[in-house]
Amino acid sequence: VIVLDIDILLNTDIIELWNHFDYFKETQSIGIGLEQNPYFQEVMTRLESNWKGYGYNNGVLLLYLSKLRSTNWNHLWLSITRRAIKRQGYLITGEQVGSNFLHIN
């Protein structure tokens, strides 16, 4: 599955993005781009003191669903999201907080 933010404009055939699934290694189930906005680094540093780098942007996601289903994905995602909400009281950058906490934990 390809998930795109509503404000994404494709300048070429989406098949070029779809073909990136062919590059996934056996253990890879998610394709995600790096965050380019410096503000996000500032936000994540406030949430996680040892945060380094920009993190990931959920604006374009490649989800290999059969691989995700074979993991404990629902439990992992929910526990990380709950932890982020408990720390901050809300998801300061939406779902991207969860994705980035998954990366560092």
PDB file of N, CA and C in Angstrom:
ATOM      1  N   VAL A   1       0.845  -1.172   0.000  1.00  0.00           N
ATOM      2  CA  VAL A   1       0.000   0.000   0.000  1.00  0.00           C
ATOM      3  C   VAL A   1       0.892   1.236   0.000  1.00  0.00           C
ATOM      4  N   ILE A   2       0.499   2.232  -0.769  1.00  0.00           N
ATOM      5  CA  ILE A   2       1.166   3.532  -0.743  1.00  0.00           C
ATOM      6  C   ILE A   2       0.227   4.513  -0.052  1.00  0.00           C
ATOM      7  N   VAL A   3       0.732   5.212   0.950  1.00  0.00           N
ATOM      8  CA  VAL A   3      -0.041   6.227   1.668  1.00  0.00           C
ATOM      9  C   VAL A   3       0.594   7.576   1.368  1.00  0.00           C
ATOM     10  N   LEU A   4      -0.219   8.522   0.900  1.00  0.00           N
ATOM     11  CA  LEU A   4       0.267   9.862   0.559  1.00  0.00           C
ATOM     12  C   LEU A   4      -0.525  10.916   1.316  1.00  0.00           C
ATOM     13  N   ASP A   5       0.164  11.939   1.816  1.00  0.00           N
ATOM     14  CA  ASP A   5      -0.530  13.104   2.360  1.00  0.00           C
ATOM     15  C   ASP A   5      -1.361  13.743   1.258  1.00  0.00           C
ATOM     16  N   ILE A   6      -2.404  14.431   1.644  1.00  0.00           N
ATOM     17  CA  ILE A   6      -3.300  15.056   0.682  1.00  0.00           C
ATOM     18  C   ILE A   6      -2.621  16.147  -0.139  1.00  0.00           C
ATOM     19  N   ASP A   7      -1.543  16.718   0.383  1.00  0.00           N
ATOM     20  CA  ASP A   7      -0.879  17.814  -0.327  1.00  0.00           C
ATOM     21  C   ASP A   7       0.293  17.357  -1.206  1.00  0.00           C
ATOM     22  N   ILE A   8       0.389  16.063  -1.471  1.00  0.00           N
ATOM     23  CA  ILE A   8       1.459  15.531  -2.323  1.00  0.00           C
ATOM     24  C   ILE A   8       1.062  15.685  -3.788  1.00  0.00           C
ATOM     25  N   LEU A   9       1.986  16.181  -4.571  1.00  0.00           N
ATOM     26  CA  LEU A   9       1.802  16.313  -6.013  1.00  0.00           C
ATOM     27  C   LEU A   9       2.789  15.384  -6.696  1.00  0.00           C
ATOM     28  N   LEU A  10       2.281  14.464  -7.490  1.00  0.00           N
ATOM     29  CA  LEU A  10       3.143  13.531  -8.215  1.00  0.00           C
ATOM     30  C   LEU A  10       3.503  14.123  -9.570  1.00  0.00           C
ATOM     31  N   ASN A  11       4.789  14.127  -9.882  1.00  0.00           N
ATOM     32  CA  ASN A  11       5.263  14.656 -11.161  1.00  0.00           C
ATOM     33  C   ASN A  11       5.560  13.562 -12.167  1.00  0.00           C
ATOM     34  N   THR A  12       5.280  12.323 -11.807  1.00  0.00           N
ATOM     35  CA  THR A  12       5.524  11.187 -12.682  1.00  0.00           C
ATOM     36  C   THR A  12       4.531  10.088 -12.334  1.00  0.00           C
ATOM     37  N   ASP A  13       4.595   8.999 -13.039  1.00  0.00           N
ATOM     38  CA  ASP A  13       3.699   7.874 -12.810  1.00  0.00           C
ATOM     39  C   ASP A  13       3.968   7.272 -11.430  1.00  0.00           C
ATOM     40  N   ILE A  14       2.925   6.991 -10.679  1.00  0.00           N
ATOM     41  CA  ILE A  14       3.072   6.449  -9.324  1.00  0.00           C
ATOM     42  C   ILE A  14       3.725   5.070  -9.336  1.00  0.00           C
ATOM     43  N   ILE A  15       3.751   4.415 -10.472  1.00  0.00           N
ATOM     44  CA  ILE A  15       4.406   3.109 -10.572  1.00  0.00           C
ATOM     45  C   ILE A  15       5.891   3.200 -10.206  1.00  0.00           C
ATOM     46  N   GLU A  16       6.489   4.364 -10.444  1.00  0.00           N
ATOM     47  CA  GLU A  16       7.899   4.535 -10.072  1.00  0.00           C
ATOM     48  C   GLU A  16       8.075   4.438  -8.560  1.00  0.00           C
ATOM     49  N   LEU A  17       7.128   4.945  -7.821  1.00  0.00           N
ATOM     50  CA  LEU A  17       7.157   4.813  -6.366  1.00  0.00           C
ATOM     51  C   LEU A  17       6.856   3.367  -5.968  1.00  0.00           C
ATOM     52  N   TRP A  18       5.847   2.779  -6.592  1.00  0.00           N
ATOM     53  CA  TRP A  18       5.463   1.400  -6.303  1.00  0.00           C
ATOM     54  C   TRP A  18       6.641   0.444  -6.505  1.00  0.00           C
ATOM     55  N   ASN A  19       7.450   0.695  -7.514  1.00  0.00           N
ATOM     56  CA  ASN A  19       8.582  -0.180  -7.816  1.00  0.00           C
ATOM     57  C   ASN A  19       9.628  -0.221  -6.704  1.00  0.00           C
ATOM     58  N   HIS A  20       9.573   0.718  -5.775  1.00  0.00           N
ATOM     59  CA  HIS A  20      10.519   0.695  -4.655  1.00  0.00           C
ATOM     60  C   HIS A  20      10.279  -0.495  -3.728  1.00  0.00           C
ATOM     61  N   PHE A  21       9.090  -1.093  -3.781  1.00  0.00           N
ATOM     62  CA  PHE A  21       8.853  -2.316  -3.008  1.00  0.00           C
ATOM     63  C   PHE A  21       9.832  -3.414  -3.427  1.00  0.00           C
ATOM     64  N   ASP A  22      10.256  -3.395  -4.685  1.00  0.00           N
ATOM     65  CA  ASP A  22      11.211  -4.395  -5.180  1.00  0.00           C
ATOM     66  C   ASP A  22      12.562  -4.306  -4.482  1.00  0.00           C
ATOM     67  N   TYR A  23      12.883  -3.165  -3.908  1.00  0.00           N
ATOM     68  CA  TYR A  23      14.170  -2.968  -3.231  1.00  0.00           C
ATOM     69  C   TYR A  23      14.133  -3.322  -1.743  1.00  0.00           C
ATOM     70  N   PHE A  24      12.949  -3.627  -1.225  1.00  0.00           N
ATOM     71  CA  PHE A  24      12.835  -3.975   0.188  1.00  0.00           C
ATOM     72  C   PHE A  24      13.601  -5.268   0.462  1.00  0.00           C
ATOM     73  N   LYS A  25      14.338  -5.272   1.558  1.00  0.00           N
ATOM     74  CA  LYS A  25      14.985  -6.497   2.014  1.00  0.00           C
ATOM     75  C   LYS A  25      13.935  -7.360   2.704  1.00  0.00           C
ATOM     76  N   GLU A  26      14.285  -8.588   2.969  1.00  0.00           N
ATOM     77  CA  GLU A  26      13.345  -9.539   3.568  1.00  0.00           C
ATOM     78  C   GLU A  26      12.731  -9.013   4.867  1.00  0.00           C
ATOM     79  N   THR A  27      13.510  -8.276   5.644  1.00  0.00           N
ATOM     80  CA  THR A  27      13.035  -7.796   6.945  1.00  0.00           C
ATOM     81  C   THR A  27      12.382  -6.421   6.889  1.00  0.00           C
ATOM     82  N   GLN A  28      12.359  -5.781   5.745  1.00  0.00           N
ATOM     83  CA  GLN A  28      11.777  -4.435   5.635  1.00  0.00           C
ATOM     84  C   GLN A  28      10.290  -4.514   5.326  1.00  0.00           C
ATOM     85  N   SER A  29       9.505  -3.736   6.072  1.00  0.00           N
ATOM     86  CA  SER A  29       8.061  -3.704   5.853  1.00  0.00           C
ATOM     87  C   SER A  29       7.535  -2.291   5.628  1.00  0.00           C
ATOM     88  N   ILE A  30       8.369  -1.270   5.893  1.00  0.00           N
ATOM     89  CA  ILE A  30       7.937   0.122   5.755  1.00  0.00           C
ATOM     90  C   ILE A  30       9.002   0.906   5.001  1.00  0.00           C
ATOM     91  N   GLY A  31       8.549   1.680   4.028  1.00  0.00           N
ATOM     92  CA  GLY A  31       9.414   2.636   3.349  1.00  0.00           C
ATOM     93  C   GLY A  31       8.946   4.030   3.724  1.00  0.00           C
ATOM     94  N   ILE A  32       9.866   4.870   4.150  1.00  0.00           N
ATOM     95  CA  ILE A  32       9.500   6.199   4.644  1.00  0.00           C
ATOM     96  C   ILE A  32      10.639   7.165   4.350  1.00  0.00           C
ATOM     97  N   GLY A  33      10.294   8.405   4.055  1.00  0.00           N
ATOM     98  CA  GLY A  33      11.301   9.411   3.731  1.00  0.00           C
ATOM     99  C   GLY A  33      11.795  10.161   4.953  1.00  0.00           C
ATOM    100  N   LEU A  34      12.978  10.720   4.825  1.00  0.00           N
ATOM    101  CA  LEU A  34      13.533  11.540   5.900  1.00  0.00           C
ATOM    102  C   LEU A  34      12.840  12.892   5.960  1.00  0.00           C
ATOM    103  N   GLU A  35      12.652  13.393   7.161  1.00  0.00           N
ATOM    104  CA  GLU A  35      12.080  14.724   7.371  1.00  0.00           C
ATOM    105  C   GLU A  35      13.085  15.774   6.914  1.00  0.00           C
ATOM    106  N   GLN A  36      12.608  16.791   6.221  1.00  0.00           N
ATOM    107  CA  GLN A  36      13.469  17.853   5.710  1.00  0.00           C
ATOM    108  C   GLN A  36      13.285  19.178   6.445  1.00  0.00           C
ATOM    109  N   ASN A  37      12.313  19.250   7.330  1.00  0.00           N
ATOM    110  CA  ASN A  37      11.981  20.492   8.011  1.00  0.00           C
ATOM    111  C   ASN A  37      12.789  20.635   9.304  1.00  0.00           C
ATOM    112  N   PRO A  38      13.626  21.671   9.439  1.00  0.00           N
ATOM    113  CA  PRO A  38      14.423  21.855  10.657  1.00  0.00           C
ATOM    114  C   PRO A  38      13.572  21.995  11.923  1.00  0.00           C
ATOM    115  N   TYR A  39      12.345  22.492  11.794  1.00  0.00           N
ATOM    116  CA  TYR A  39      11.464  22.645  12.952  1.00  0.00           C
ATOM    117  C   TYR A  39      11.209  21.303  13.626  1.00  0.00           C
ATOM    118  N   PHE A  40      11.112  20.251  12.829  1.00  0.00           N
ATOM    119  CA  PHE A  40      10.818  18.935  13.389  1.00  0.00           C
ATOM    120  C   PHE A  40      11.929  18.475  14.326  1.00  0.00           C
ATOM    121  N   GLN A  41      13.171  18.783  13.998  1.00  0.00           N
ATOM    122  CA  GLN A  41      14.293  18.420  14.861  1.00  0.00           C
ATOM    123  C   GLN A  41      14.158  19.114  16.217  1.00  0.00           C
ATOM    124  N   GLU A  42      13.761  20.360  16.206  1.00  0.00           N
ATOM    125  CA  GLU A  42      13.550  21.111  17.449  1.00  0.00           C
ATOM    126  C   GLU A  42      12.441  20.475  18.287  1.00  0.00           C
ATOM    127  N   VAL A  43      11.349  20.105  17.638  1.00  0.00           N
ATOM    128  CA  VAL A  43      10.216  19.494  18.332  1.00  0.00           C
ATOM    129  C   VAL A  43      10.622  18.164  18.953  1.00  0.00           C
ATOM    130  N   MET A  44      11.294  17.320  18.191  1.00  0.00           N
ATOM    131  CA  MET A  44      11.662  16.004  18.698  1.00  0.00           C
ATOM    132  C   MET A  44      12.687  16.094  19.826  1.00  0.00           C
ATOM    133  N   THR A  45      13.564  17.069  19.790  1.00  0.00           N
ATOM    134  CA  THR A  45      14.533  17.252  20.870  1.00  0.00           C
ATOM    135  C   THR A  45      13.819  17.568  22.184  1.00  0.00           C
ATOM    136  N   ARG A  46      12.705  18.285  22.101  1.00  0.00           N
ATOM    137  CA  ARG A  46      11.927  18.575  23.316  1.00  0.00           C
ATOM    138  C   ARG A  46      11.245  17.323  23.859  1.00  0.00           C
ATOM    139  N   LEU A  47      10.891  16.406  22.971  1.00  0.00           N
ATOM    140  CA  LEU A  47      10.212  15.182  23.389  1.00  0.00           C
ATOM    141  C   LEU A  47      11.179  14.106  23.858  1.00  0.00           C
ATOM    142  N   GLU A  48      12.328  14.063  23.246  1.00  0.00           N
ATOM    143  CA  GLU A  48      13.307  13.008  23.513  1.00  0.00           C
ATOM    144  C   GLU A  48      14.679  13.648  23.619  1.00  0.00           C
ATOM    145  N   SER A  49      15.231  13.697  24.821  1.00  0.00           N
ATOM    146  CA  SER A  49      16.460  14.464  25.055  1.00  0.00           C
ATOM    147  C   SER A  49      17.649  13.969  24.242  1.00  0.00           C
ATOM    148  N   ASN A  50      17.710  12.686  23.923  1.00  0.00           N
ATOM    149  CA  ASN A  50      18.845  12.180  23.154  1.00  0.00           C
ATOM    150  C   ASN A  50      18.566  12.117  21.651  1.00  0.00           C
ATOM    151  N   TRP A  51      17.570  12.861  21.201  1.00  0.00           N
ATOM    152  CA  TRP A  51      17.195  12.857  19.783  1.00  0.00           C
ATOM    153  C   TRP A  51      18.298  13.462  18.926  1.00  0.00           C
ATOM    154  N   LYS A  52      18.606  12.794  17.821  1.00  0.00           N
ATOM    155  CA  LYS A  52      19.595  13.307  16.879  1.00  0.00           C
ATOM    156  C   LYS A  52      19.023  13.203  15.470  1.00  0.00           C
ATOM    157  N   GLY A  53      19.278  14.184  14.649  1.00  0.00           N
ATOM    158  CA  GLY A  53      18.819  14.141  13.266  1.00  0.00           C
ATOM    159  C   GLY A  53      17.425  14.700  13.093  1.00  0.00           C
ATOM    160  N   TYR A  54      16.912  14.539  11.903  1.00  0.00           N
ATOM    161  CA  TYR A  54      15.610  15.090  11.559  1.00  0.00           C
ATOM    162  C   TYR A  54      14.466  14.109  11.738  1.00  0.00           C
ATOM    163  N   GLY A  55      14.711  12.844  11.670  1.00  0.00           N
ATOM    164  CA  GLY A  55      13.639  11.876  11.790  1.00  0.00           C
ATOM    165  C   GLY A  55      12.999  11.562  10.455  1.00  0.00           C
ATOM    166  N   TYR A  56      11.756  11.098  10.516  1.00  0.00           N
ATOM    167  CA  TYR A  56      11.060  10.628   9.329  1.00  0.00           C
ATOM    168  C   TYR A  56       9.778  11.408   9.108  1.00  0.00           C
ATOM    169  N   ASN A  57       9.356  11.459   7.854  1.00  0.00           N
ATOM    170  CA  ASN A  57       8.145  12.167   7.463  1.00  0.00           C
ATOM    171  C   ASN A  57       7.155  11.160   6.905  1.00  0.00           C
ATOM    172  N   ASN A  58       5.960  11.113   7.479  1.00  0.00           N
ATOM    173  CA  ASN A  58       4.935  10.165   7.045  1.00  0.00           C
ATOM    174  C   ASN A  58       4.156  10.627   5.824  1.00  0.00           C
ATOM    175  N   GLY A  59       4.594  11.665   5.147  1.00  0.00           N
ATOM    176  CA  GLY A  59       3.876  12.171   3.981  1.00  0.00           C
ATOM    177  C   GLY A  59       3.828  11.202   2.824  1.00  0.00           C
ATOM    178  N   VAL A  60       4.814  10.342   2.733  1.00  0.00           N
ATOM    179  CA  VAL A  60       4.855   9.277   1.730  1.00  0.00           C
ATOM    180  C   VAL A  60       5.298   8.009   2.449  1.00  0.00           C
ATOM    181  N   LEU A  61       4.423   7.025   2.479  1.00  0.00           N
ATOM    182  CA  LEU A  61       4.722   5.751   3.136  1.00  0.00           C
ATOM    183  C   LEU A  61       4.507   4.600   2.170  1.00  0.00           C
ATOM    184  N   LEU A  62       5.414   3.661   2.201  1.00  0.00           N
ATOM    185  CA  LEU A  62       5.224   2.390   1.515  1.00  0.00           C
ATOM    186  C   LEU A  62       5.031   1.343   2.602  1.00  0.00           C
ATOM    187  N   LEU A  63       3.890   0.701   2.620  1.00  0.00           N
ATOM    188  CA  LEU A  63       3.580  -0.292   3.651  1.00  0.00           C
ATOM    189  C   LEU A  63       3.427  -1.667   3.009  1.00  0.00           C
ATOM    190  N   TYR A  64       4.310  -2.570   3.350  1.00  0.00           N
ATOM    191  CA  TYR A  64       4.261  -3.941   2.859  1.00  0.00           C
ATOM    192  C   TYR A  64       3.388  -4.713   3.849  1.00  0.00           C
ATOM    193  N   LEU A  65       2.095  -4.759   3.569  1.00  0.00           N
ATOM    194  CA  LEU A  65       1.119  -5.219   4.558  1.00  0.00           C
ATOM    195  C   LEU A  65       1.311  -6.657   5.004  1.00  0.00           C
ATOM    196  N   SER A  66       1.639  -7.558   4.108  1.00  0.00           N
ATOM    197  CA  SER A  66       1.802  -8.953   4.538  1.00  0.00           C
ATOM    198  C   SER A  66       2.940  -9.089   5.545  1.00  0.00           C
ATOM    199  N   LYS A  67       4.001  -8.306   5.378  1.00  0.00           N
ATOM    200  CA  LYS A  67       5.098  -8.339   6.351  1.00  0.00           C
ATOM    201  C   LYS A  67       4.674  -7.696   7.673  1.00  0.00           C
ATOM    202  N   LEU A  68       3.919  -6.601   7.604  1.00  0.00           N
ATOM    203  CA  LEU A  68       3.447  -5.962   8.838  1.00  0.00           C
ATOM    204  C   LEU A  68       2.526  -6.891   9.619  1.00  0.00           C
ATOM    205  N   ARG A  69       1.683  -7.620   8.899  1.00  0.00           N
ATOM    206  CA  ARG A  69       0.757  -8.538   9.570  1.00  0.00           C
ATOM    207  C   ARG A  69       1.490  -9.652  10.305  1.00  0.00           C
ATOM    208  N   SER A  70       2.675 -10.022   9.835  1.00  0.00           N
ATOM    209  CA  SER A  70       3.425 -11.108  10.466  1.00  0.00           C
ATOM    210  C   SER A  70       4.210 -10.637  11.693  1.00  0.00           C
ATOM    211  N   THR A  71       4.134  -9.352  12.003  1.00  0.00           N
ATOM    212  CA  THR A  71       4.805  -8.812  13.185  1.00  0.00           C
ATOM    213  C   THR A  71       3.761  -8.502  14.253  1.00  0.00           C
ATOM    214  N   ASN A  72       4.195  -7.966  15.329  1.00  0.00           N
ATOM    215  CA  ASN A  72       3.305  -7.524  16.403  1.00  0.00           C
ATOM    216  C   ASN A  72       3.017  -6.031  16.216  1.00  0.00           C
ATOM    217  N   TRP A  73       2.765  -5.620  14.981  1.00  0.00           N
ATOM    218  CA  TRP A  73       2.686  -4.220  14.591  1.00  0.00           C
ATOM    219  C   TRP A  73       1.656  -3.431  15.390  1.00  0.00           C
ATOM    220  N   ASN A  74       0.435  -3.931  15.498  1.00  0.00           N
ATOM    221  CA  ASN A  74      -0.612  -3.176  16.202  1.00  0.00           C
ATOM    222  C   ASN A  74      -0.221  -2.890  17.646  1.00  0.00           C
ATOM    223  N   HIS A  75       0.293  -3.887  18.329  1.00  0.00           N
ATOM    224  CA  HIS A  75       0.711  -3.687  19.720  1.00  0.00           C
ATOM    225  C   HIS A  75       1.860  -2.685  19.808  1.00  0.00           C
ATOM    226  N   LEU A  76       2.838  -2.830  18.947  1.00  0.00           N
ATOM    227  CA  LEU A  76       4.000  -1.939  18.965  1.00  0.00           C
ATOM    228  C   LEU A  76       3.594  -0.496  18.703  1.00  0.00           C
ATOM    229  N   TRP A  77       2.814  -0.273  17.646  1.00  0.00           N
ATOM    230  CA  TRP A  77       2.381   1.079  17.278  1.00  0.00           C
ATOM    231  C   TRP A  77       1.566   1.717  18.403  1.00  0.00           C
ATOM    232  N   LEU A  78       0.627   0.976  18.953  1.00  0.00           N
ATOM    233  CA  LEU A  78      -0.222   1.530  20.014  1.00  0.00           C
ATOM    234  C   LEU A  78       0.570   1.835  21.282  1.00  0.00           C
ATOM    235  N   SER A  79       1.486   0.968  21.662  1.00  0.00           N
ATOM    236  CA  SER A  79       2.249   1.223  22.889  1.00  0.00           C
ATOM    237  C   SER A  79       3.164   2.434  22.729  1.00  0.00           C
ATOM    238  N   ILE A  80       3.782   2.599  21.572  1.00  0.00           N
ATOM    239  CA  ILE A  80       4.642   3.763  21.330  1.00  0.00           C
ATOM    240  C   ILE A  80       3.804   5.042  21.315  1.00  0.00           C
ATOM    241  N   THR A  81       2.643   5.001  20.672  1.00  0.00           N
ATOM    242  CA  THR A  81       1.775   6.180  20.599  1.00  0.00           C
ATOM    243  C   THR A  81       1.275   6.564  21.988  1.00  0.00           C
ATOM    244  N   ARG A  82       0.877   5.585  22.773  1.00  0.00           N
ATOM    245  CA  ARG A  82       0.434   5.875  24.146  1.00  0.00           C
ATOM    246  C   ARG A  82       1.554   6.505  24.968  1.00  0.00           C
ATOM    247  N   ARG A  83       2.766   5.996  24.795  1.00  0.00           N
ATOM    248  CA  ARG A  83       3.900   6.552  25.535  1.00  0.00           C
ATOM    249  C   ARG A  83       4.151   8.003  25.144  1.00  0.00           C
ATOM    250  N   ALA A  84       4.061   8.298  23.852  1.00  0.00           N
ATOM    251  CA  ALA A  84       4.267   9.676  23.384  1.00  0.00           C
ATOM    252  C   ALA A  84       3.189  10.603  23.946  1.00  0.00           C
ATOM    253  N   ILE A  85       1.946  10.146  23.959  1.00  0.00           N
ATOM    254  CA  ILE A  85       0.850  10.955  24.504  1.00  0.00           C
ATOM    255  C   ILE A  85       1.038  11.158  26.006  1.00  0.00           C
ATOM    256  N   LYS A  86       1.471  10.127  26.704  1.00  0.00           N
ATOM    257  CA  LYS A  86       1.693  10.240  28.149  1.00  0.00           C
ATOM    258  C   LYS A  86       2.783  11.271  28.452  1.00  0.00           C
ATOM    259  N   ARG A  87       3.827  11.288  27.660  1.00  0.00           N
ATOM    260  CA  ARG A  87       4.927  12.235  27.875  1.00  0.00           C
ATOM    261  C   ARG A  87       4.524  13.669  27.581  1.00  0.00           C
ATOM    262  N   GLN A  88       3.817  13.887  26.485  1.00  0.00           N
ATOM    263  CA  GLN A  88       3.559  15.236  25.999  1.00  0.00           C
ATOM    264  C   GLN A  88       2.119  15.691  26.226  1.00  0.00           C
ATOM    265  N   GLY A  89       1.197  14.741  26.362  1.00  0.00           N
ATOM    266  CA  GLY A  89      -0.206  15.085  26.519  1.00  0.00           C
ATOM    267  C   GLY A  89      -0.970  15.065  25.205  1.00  0.00           C
ATOM    268  N   TYR A  90      -0.253  15.076  24.106  1.00  0.00           N
ATOM    269  CA  TYR A  90      -0.843  15.022  22.769  1.00  0.00           C
ATOM    270  C   TYR A  90       0.278  14.685  21.790  1.00  0.00           C
ATOM    271  N   LEU A  91      -0.088  14.397  20.553  1.00  0.00           N
ATOM    272  CA  LEU A  91       0.919  14.105  19.527  1.00  0.00           C
ATOM    273  C   LEU A  91       1.270  15.403  18.821  1.00  0.00           C
ATOM    274  N   ILE A  92       2.381  15.998  19.224  1.00  0.00           N
ATOM    275  CA  ILE A  92       2.752  17.340  18.780  1.00  0.00           C
ATOM    276  C   ILE A  92       2.906  17.439  17.258  1.00  0.00           C
ATOM    277  N   THR A  93       3.348  16.381  16.615  1.00  0.00           N
ATOM    278  CA  THR A  93       3.449  16.385  15.150  1.00  0.00           C
ATOM    279  C   THR A  93       2.619  15.254  14.552  1.00  0.00           C
ATOM    280  N   GLY A  94       1.529  14.945  15.180  1.00  0.00           N
ATOM    281  CA  GLY A  94       0.642  13.910  14.661  1.00  0.00           C
ATOM    282  C   GLY A  94       1.289  12.532  14.687  1.00  0.00           C
ATOM    283  N   GLU A  95       0.959  11.751  13.684  1.00  0.00           N
ATOM    284  CA  GLU A  95       1.442  10.375  13.619  1.00  0.00           C
ATOM    285  C   GLU A  95       2.953  10.277  13.468  1.00  0.00           C
ATOM    286  N   GLN A  96       3.614  11.341  13.059  1.00  0.00           N
ATOM    287  CA  GLN A  96       5.062  11.294  12.878  1.00  0.00           C
ATOM    288  C   GLN A  96       5.795  11.077  14.198  1.00  0.00           C
ATOM    289  N   VAL A  97       5.217  11.505  15.297  1.00  0.00           N
ATOM    290  CA  VAL A  97       5.846  11.249  16.594  1.00  0.00           C
ATOM    291  C   VAL A  97       5.961   9.746  16.807  1.00  0.00           C
ATOM    292  N   GLY A  98       4.883   9.033  16.550  1.00  0.00           N
ATOM    293  CA  GLY A  98       4.914   7.577  16.712  1.00  0.00           C
ATOM    294  C   GLY A  98       5.934   6.916  15.818  1.00  0.00           C
ATOM    295  N   SER A  99       5.987   7.312  14.574  1.00  0.00           N
ATOM    296  CA  SER A  99       6.953   6.734  13.636  1.00  0.00           C
ATOM    297  C   SER A  99       8.374   6.972  14.088  1.00  0.00           C
ATOM    298  N   ASN A 100       8.643   8.145  14.575  1.00  0.00           N
ATOM    299  CA  ASN A 100      10.000   8.476  14.985  1.00  0.00           C
ATOM    300  C   ASN A 100      10.379   7.829  16.307  1.00  0.00           C
ATOM    301  N   PHE A 101       9.438   7.677  17.230  1.00  0.00           N
ATOM    302  CA  PHE A 101       9.739   6.953  18.457  1.00  0.00           C
ATOM    303  C   PHE A 101       9.983   5.474  18.165  1.00  0.00           C
ATOM    304  N   LEU A 102       9.281   4.920  17.176  1.00  0.00           N
ATOM    305  CA  LEU A 102       9.542   3.539  16.774  1.00  0.00           C
ATOM    306  C   LEU A 102      10.983   3.387  16.308  1.00  0.00           C
ATOM    307  N   HIS A 103      11.475   4.380  15.618  1.00  0.00           N
ATOM    308  CA  HIS A 103      12.836   4.341  15.079  1.00  0.00           C
ATOM    309  C   HIS A 103      13.887   4.314  16.185  1.00  0.00           C
ATOM    310  N   ILE A 104      13.670   5.036  17.266  1.00  0.00           N
ATOM    311  CA  ILE A 104      14.704   5.137  18.300  1.00  0.00           C
ATOM    312  C   ILE A 104      14.522   4.131  19.423  1.00  0.00           C
ATOM    313  N   ASN A 105      13.446   3.362  19.394  1.00  0.00           N
ATOM    314  CA  ASN A 105      13.203   2.386  20.469  1.00  0.00           C
ATOM    315  C   ASN A 105      13.288   0.966  19.963  1.00  0.00           C
TER     316      ASN A 105
END
